[in-house]
Amino acid sequence: MAEVEIRVNGRDYRVACDDGQEERLQTLAAFFNDYVTDLSAELGQIGDARLMLLSSLTVCDELFELRERVRDLENAGDALDPDTVGAAGRAVEAATARIREIAEGLNA
């Protein structure tokens, strides 16, 4: 088990993680610190515990929104009927063939 020192809101924390995950943890901490720094600048001194709570909620809110968008994108394909999907595939194939023809013409 590895230990990593991270910095959030100007304070150092020692955190344990699985071996090989040190860089990932540093990246996550830096990402979270950006939220803390932005919120601190916006709200001023509100106390560390409250600042961490509000920053965590902000990150969670963004995560929930992104999950919803991913779900919507995954479900968007379900709304297409097979004819539309087939036509789109044929259009891509035709465009690919035309690009190959042009490329071959340039190489000749």
N, C-alpha and C. Protein backbone atom coordinates (compact mmCIF):
# COMPACT_ATOMS: atom_id res chain seq x y z
N MET A 1 0.85 -1.17 0.00
CA MET A 1 0.00 0.00 0.00
C MET A 1 0.90 1.24 0.00
N ALA A 2 0.65 2.13 -0.95
CA ALA A 2 1.45 3.35 -1.08
C ALA A 2 0.80 4.49 -0.31
N GLU A 3 1.59 5.48 0.00
CA GLU A 3 1.08 6.70 0.63
C GLU A 3 1.46 7.88 -0.25
N VAL A 4 0.51 8.80 -0.40
CA VAL A 4 0.72 9.97 -1.24
C VAL A 4 0.39 11.20 -0.42
N GLU A 5 1.19 12.23 -0.59
CA GLU A 5 0.89 13.50 0.05
C GLU A 5 0.19 14.38 -0.98
N ILE A 6 -1.01 14.81 -0.63
CA ILE A 6 -1.77 15.68 -1.52
C ILE A 6 -2.00 17.01 -0.82
N ARG A 7 -2.31 18.01 -1.61
CA ARG A 7 -2.55 19.35 -1.06
C ARG A 7 -3.92 19.81 -1.53
N VAL A 8 -4.77 20.17 -0.57
CA VAL A 8 -6.09 20.71 -0.87
C VAL A 8 -6.29 21.93 0.01
N ASN A 9 -6.62 23.04 -0.62
CA ASN A 9 -6.87 24.29 0.08
C ASN A 9 -5.68 24.71 0.95
N GLY A 10 -4.48 24.49 0.42
CA GLY A 10 -3.27 24.90 1.13
C GLY A 10 -2.85 23.99 2.26
N ARG A 11 -3.54 22.89 2.45
CA ARG A 11 -3.19 21.95 3.52
C ARG A 11 -2.71 20.64 2.92
N ASP A 12 -1.72 20.06 3.56
CA ASP A 12 -1.20 18.78 3.11
C ASP A 12 -1.91 17.64 3.84
N TYR A 13 -2.21 16.59 3.08
CA TYR A 13 -2.83 15.40 3.63
C TYR A 13 -2.05 14.18 3.15
N ARG A 14 -1.87 13.23 4.01
CA ARG A 14 -1.23 11.97 3.64
C ARG A 14 -2.35 10.93 3.45
N VAL A 15 -2.40 10.35 2.26
CA VAL A 15 -3.49 9.45 1.90
C VAL A 15 -2.90 8.14 1.39
N ALA A 16 -3.47 7.03 1.84
CA ALA A 16 -3.04 5.72 1.37
C ALA A 16 -3.80 5.36 0.09
N CYS A 17 -3.11 4.63 -0.78
CA CYS A 17 -3.74 4.16 -2.01
C CYS A 17 -3.05 2.88 -2.45
N ASP A 18 -3.65 2.18 -3.39
CA ASP A 18 -3.03 0.98 -3.93
C ASP A 18 -1.75 1.35 -4.67
N ASP A 19 -0.79 0.45 -4.64
CA ASP A 19 0.44 0.67 -5.38
C ASP A 19 0.12 0.91 -6.85
N GLY A 20 0.78 1.88 -7.44
CA GLY A 20 0.56 2.21 -8.84
C GLY A 20 -0.52 3.25 -9.06
N GLN A 21 -1.25 3.61 -8.02
CA GLN A 21 -2.33 4.59 -8.14
C GLN A 21 -1.93 5.98 -7.66
N GLU A 22 -0.67 6.17 -7.36
CA GLU A 22 -0.21 7.44 -6.80
C GLU A 22 -0.47 8.62 -7.73
N GLU A 23 -0.12 8.46 -8.99
CA GLU A 23 -0.31 9.56 -9.94
C GLU A 23 -1.79 9.89 -10.13
N ARG A 24 -2.60 8.86 -10.18
CA ARG A 24 -4.06 9.06 -10.32
C ARG A 24 -4.60 9.84 -9.13
N LEU A 25 -4.16 9.49 -7.94
CA LEU A 25 -4.61 10.18 -6.73
C LEU A 25 -4.17 11.65 -6.74
N GLN A 26 -2.95 11.90 -7.19
CA GLN A 26 -2.47 13.28 -7.30
C GLN A 26 -3.32 14.08 -8.29
N THR A 27 -3.69 13.45 -9.40
CA THR A 27 -4.52 14.11 -10.41
C THR A 27 -5.90 14.42 -9.84
N LEU A 28 -6.49 13.45 -9.15
CA LEU A 28 -7.80 13.67 -8.54
C LEU A 28 -7.76 14.79 -7.51
N ALA A 29 -6.72 14.79 -6.69
CA ALA A 29 -6.59 15.82 -5.66
C ALA A 29 -6.45 17.21 -6.29
N ALA A 30 -5.66 17.30 -7.35
CA ALA A 30 -5.49 18.60 -8.03
C ALA A 30 -6.81 19.07 -8.63
N PHE A 31 -7.56 18.14 -9.22
CA PHE A 31 -8.87 18.45 -9.79
C PHE A 31 -9.81 18.98 -8.70
N PHE A 32 -9.86 18.27 -7.58
CA PHE A 32 -10.74 18.68 -6.48
C PHE A 32 -10.27 20.01 -5.90
N ASN A 33 -8.98 20.20 -5.79
CA ASN A 33 -8.44 21.45 -5.26
C ASN A 33 -8.88 22.64 -6.10
N ASP A 34 -9.01 22.45 -7.40
CA ASP A 34 -9.49 23.54 -8.26
C ASP A 34 -10.90 23.97 -7.85
N TYR A 35 -11.77 23.00 -7.55
CA TYR A 35 -13.12 23.31 -7.10
C TYR A 35 -13.08 24.06 -5.76
N VAL A 36 -12.25 23.57 -4.85
CA VAL A 36 -12.14 24.19 -3.53
C VAL A 36 -11.64 25.63 -3.67
N THR A 37 -10.62 25.82 -4.49
CA THR A 37 -10.05 27.15 -4.68
C THR A 37 -11.08 28.11 -5.29
N ASP A 38 -11.79 27.66 -6.31
CA ASP A 38 -12.80 28.51 -6.95
C ASP A 38 -13.91 28.87 -5.97
N LEU A 39 -14.39 27.89 -5.24
CA LEU A 39 -15.48 28.14 -4.29
C LEU A 39 -15.02 29.04 -3.16
N SER A 40 -13.80 28.86 -2.70
CA SER A 40 -13.25 29.69 -1.64
C SER A 40 -13.15 31.15 -2.09
N ALA A 41 -12.73 31.34 -3.34
CA ALA A 41 -12.63 32.70 -3.88
C ALA A 41 -14.01 33.34 -4.00
N GLU A 42 -15.00 32.52 -4.34
CA GLU A 42 -16.36 33.02 -4.51
C GLU A 42 -17.05 33.33 -3.18
N LEU A 43 -16.87 32.44 -2.19
CA LEU A 43 -17.61 32.56 -0.93
C LEU A 43 -16.82 33.18 0.21
N GLY A 44 -15.50 33.27 0.07
CA GLY A 44 -14.69 33.80 1.16
C GLY A 44 -14.48 32.75 2.23
N GLN A 45 -14.12 33.21 3.42
CA GLN A 45 -13.85 32.30 4.53
C GLN A 45 -15.15 31.79 5.13
N ILE A 46 -15.42 30.52 4.88
CA ILE A 46 -16.64 29.91 5.43
C ILE A 46 -16.30 28.72 6.31
N GLY A 47 -15.02 28.48 6.54
CA GLY A 47 -14.58 27.35 7.34
C GLY A 47 -14.23 26.17 6.45
N ASP A 48 -13.21 25.43 6.88
CA ASP A 48 -12.72 24.31 6.07
C ASP A 48 -13.75 23.22 5.86
N ALA A 49 -14.43 22.82 6.92
CA ALA A 49 -15.39 21.72 6.81
C ALA A 49 -16.51 22.08 5.84
N ARG A 50 -17.04 23.28 5.97
CA ARG A 50 -18.13 23.71 5.10
C ARG A 50 -17.65 23.86 3.66
N LEU A 51 -16.44 24.39 3.49
CA LEU A 51 -15.86 24.55 2.16
C LEU A 51 -15.68 23.19 1.48
N MET A 52 -15.17 22.22 2.22
CA MET A 52 -14.99 20.87 1.66
C MET A 52 -16.35 20.24 1.31
N LEU A 53 -17.34 20.43 2.17
CA LEU A 53 -18.67 19.88 1.92
C LEU A 53 -19.27 20.49 0.66
N LEU A 54 -19.23 21.81 0.55
CA LEU A 54 -19.81 22.47 -0.63
C LEU A 54 -19.05 22.11 -1.91
N SER A 55 -17.74 21.97 -1.81
CA SER A 55 -16.95 21.57 -2.98
C SER A 55 -17.30 20.15 -3.39
N SER A 56 -17.45 19.26 -2.42
CA SER A 56 -17.82 17.87 -2.71
C SER A 56 -19.19 17.82 -3.37
N LEU A 57 -20.12 18.59 -2.87
CA LEU A 57 -21.46 18.61 -3.46
C LEU A 57 -21.43 19.16 -4.89
N THR A 58 -20.58 20.14 -5.14
CA THR A 58 -20.43 20.70 -6.48
C THR A 58 -19.90 19.64 -7.45
N VAL A 59 -18.89 18.90 -7.02
CA VAL A 59 -18.33 17.83 -7.86
C VAL A 59 -19.39 16.75 -8.09
N CYS A 60 -20.12 16.38 -7.06
CA CYS A 60 -21.17 15.36 -7.20
C CYS A 60 -22.27 15.83 -8.15
N ASP A 61 -22.63 17.10 -8.07
CA ASP A 61 -23.64 17.65 -8.97
C ASP A 61 -23.18 17.53 -10.42
N GLU A 62 -21.93 17.87 -10.67
CA GLU A 62 -21.39 17.77 -12.02
C GLU A 62 -21.38 16.30 -12.47
N LEU A 63 -20.99 15.40 -11.59
CA LEU A 63 -20.98 13.98 -11.91
C LEU A 63 -22.38 13.49 -12.28
N PHE A 64 -23.38 13.87 -11.50
CA PHE A 64 -24.75 13.44 -11.77
C PHE A 64 -25.23 13.97 -13.11
N GLU A 65 -24.92 15.24 -13.42
CA GLU A 65 -25.31 15.81 -14.70
C GLU A 65 -24.65 15.06 -15.86
N LEU A 66 -23.37 14.73 -15.71
CA LEU A 66 -22.66 14.02 -16.77
C LEU A 66 -23.20 12.60 -16.94
N ARG A 67 -23.54 11.95 -15.84
CA ARG A 67 -24.13 10.61 -15.94
C ARG A 67 -25.45 10.66 -16.69
N GLU A 68 -26.24 11.68 -16.42
CA GLU A 68 -27.53 11.83 -17.09
C GLU A 68 -27.32 12.06 -18.59
N ARG A 69 -26.33 12.89 -18.93
CA ARG A 69 -26.06 13.15 -20.34
C ARG A 69 -25.58 11.89 -21.06
N VAL A 70 -24.75 11.10 -20.39
CA VAL A 70 -24.28 9.84 -20.98
C VAL A 70 -25.46 8.90 -21.20
N ARG A 71 -26.33 8.80 -20.21
CA ARG A 71 -27.52 7.93 -20.33
C ARG A 71 -28.39 8.39 -21.49
N ASP A 72 -28.58 9.73 -21.61
CA ASP A 72 -29.37 10.26 -22.73
C ASP A 72 -28.73 9.92 -24.07
N LEU A 73 -27.40 10.03 -24.15
CA LEU A 73 -26.72 9.71 -25.41
C LEU A 73 -26.81 8.23 -25.72
N GLU A 74 -26.70 7.39 -24.70
CA GLU A 74 -26.82 5.95 -24.92
C GLU A 74 -28.23 5.59 -25.38
N ASN A 75 -29.22 6.25 -24.84
CA ASN A 75 -30.61 5.96 -25.21
C ASN A 75 -31.01 6.61 -26.53
N ALA A 76 -30.27 7.60 -27.00
CA ALA A 76 -30.62 8.29 -28.24
C ALA A 76 -30.59 7.34 -29.42
N GLY A 77 -29.69 6.39 -29.41
CA GLY A 77 -29.61 5.41 -30.50
C GLY A 77 -30.82 4.51 -30.54
N ASP A 78 -31.45 4.28 -29.38
CA ASP A 78 -32.63 3.42 -29.33
C ASP A 78 -33.80 4.02 -30.10
N ALA A 79 -33.83 5.35 -30.22
CA ALA A 79 -34.94 6.03 -30.87
C ALA A 79 -34.87 5.91 -32.40
N LEU A 80 -33.72 5.54 -32.93
CA LEU A 80 -33.57 5.43 -34.38
C LEU A 80 -34.15 4.11 -34.87
N ASP A 81 -34.91 4.18 -35.93
CA ASP A 81 -35.46 2.96 -36.50
C ASP A 81 -34.39 2.28 -37.35
N PRO A 82 -34.52 1.00 -37.60
CA PRO A 82 -33.50 0.26 -38.36
C PRO A 82 -33.22 0.84 -39.74
N ASP A 83 -34.25 1.39 -40.41
CA ASP A 83 -34.04 1.97 -41.74
C ASP A 83 -33.11 3.17 -41.66
N THR A 84 -33.30 4.00 -40.63
CA THR A 84 -32.45 5.19 -40.47
C THR A 84 -31.02 4.77 -40.18
N VAL A 85 -30.86 3.80 -39.29
CA VAL A 85 -29.52 3.31 -38.96
C VAL A 85 -28.86 2.72 -40.20
N GLY A 86 -29.61 1.93 -40.96
CA GLY A 86 -29.07 1.34 -42.19
C GLY A 86 -28.68 2.39 -43.21
N ALA A 87 -29.52 3.41 -43.36
CA ALA A 87 -29.22 4.47 -44.32
C ALA A 87 -27.98 5.23 -43.91
N ALA A 88 -27.82 5.48 -42.64
CA ALA A 88 -26.64 6.18 -42.16
C ALA A 88 -25.39 5.36 -42.44
N GLY A 89 -25.49 4.05 -42.22
CA GLY A 89 -24.35 3.18 -42.50
C GLY A 89 -23.98 3.18 -43.97
N ARG A 90 -25.00 3.15 -44.83
CA ARG A 90 -24.75 3.18 -46.27
C ARG A 90 -24.14 4.51 -46.70
N ALA A 91 -24.56 5.59 -46.09
CA ALA A 91 -24.00 6.91 -46.42
C ALA A 91 -22.52 6.97 -46.04
N VAL A 92 -22.18 6.43 -44.89
CA VAL A 92 -20.78 6.41 -44.45
C VAL A 92 -19.96 5.54 -45.40
N GLU A 93 -20.48 4.39 -45.78
CA GLU A 93 -19.78 3.51 -46.71
C GLU A 93 -19.56 4.19 -48.06
N ALA A 94 -20.57 4.90 -48.55
CA ALA A 94 -20.45 5.60 -49.83
C ALA A 94 -19.41 6.71 -49.74
N ALA A 95 -19.41 7.44 -48.64
CA ALA A 95 -18.43 8.51 -48.46
C ALA A 95 -17.02 7.94 -48.38
N THR A 96 -16.87 6.82 -47.70
CA THR A 96 -15.57 6.16 -47.60
C THR A 96 -15.07 5.73 -48.97
N ALA A 97 -15.97 5.15 -49.76
CA ALA A 97 -15.60 4.71 -51.11
C ALA A 97 -15.18 5.91 -51.96
N ARG A 98 -15.92 6.99 -51.86
CA ARG A 98 -15.60 8.19 -52.66
C ARG A 98 -14.24 8.77 -52.25
N ILE A 99 -13.94 8.77 -50.96
CA ILE A 99 -12.65 9.27 -50.48
C ILE A 99 -11.52 8.40 -51.01
N ARG A 100 -11.74 7.08 -51.02
CA ARG A 100 -10.72 6.17 -51.57
C ARG A 100 -10.49 6.47 -53.06
N GLU A 101 -11.57 6.71 -53.81
CA GLU A 101 -11.44 7.01 -55.24
C GLU A 101 -10.62 8.28 -55.43
N ILE A 102 -10.90 9.29 -54.64
CA ILE A 102 -10.18 10.56 -54.77
C ILE A 102 -8.71 10.34 -54.42
N ALA A 103 -8.45 9.59 -53.34
CA ALA A 103 -7.07 9.33 -52.93
C ALA A 103 -6.32 8.57 -54.01
N GLU A 104 -6.97 7.58 -54.62
CA GLU A 104 -6.33 6.82 -55.69
C GLU A 104 -6.03 7.71 -56.88
N GLY A 105 -6.95 8.64 -57.17
CA GLY A 105 -6.74 9.59 -58.28
C GLY A 105 -5.56 10.50 -58.02
N LEU A 106 -5.37 10.86 -56.76
CA LEU A 106 -4.24 11.73 -56.42
C LEU A 106 -2.92 10.98 -56.50
N ASN A 107 -2.96 9.70 -56.19
CA ASN A 107 -1.75 8.88 -56.22
C ASN A 107 -1.34 8.46 -57.63
N ALA A 108 -2.28 8.56 -58.58
CA ALA A 108 -2.00 8.10 -59.95
C ALA A 108 -1.12 9.07 -60.72
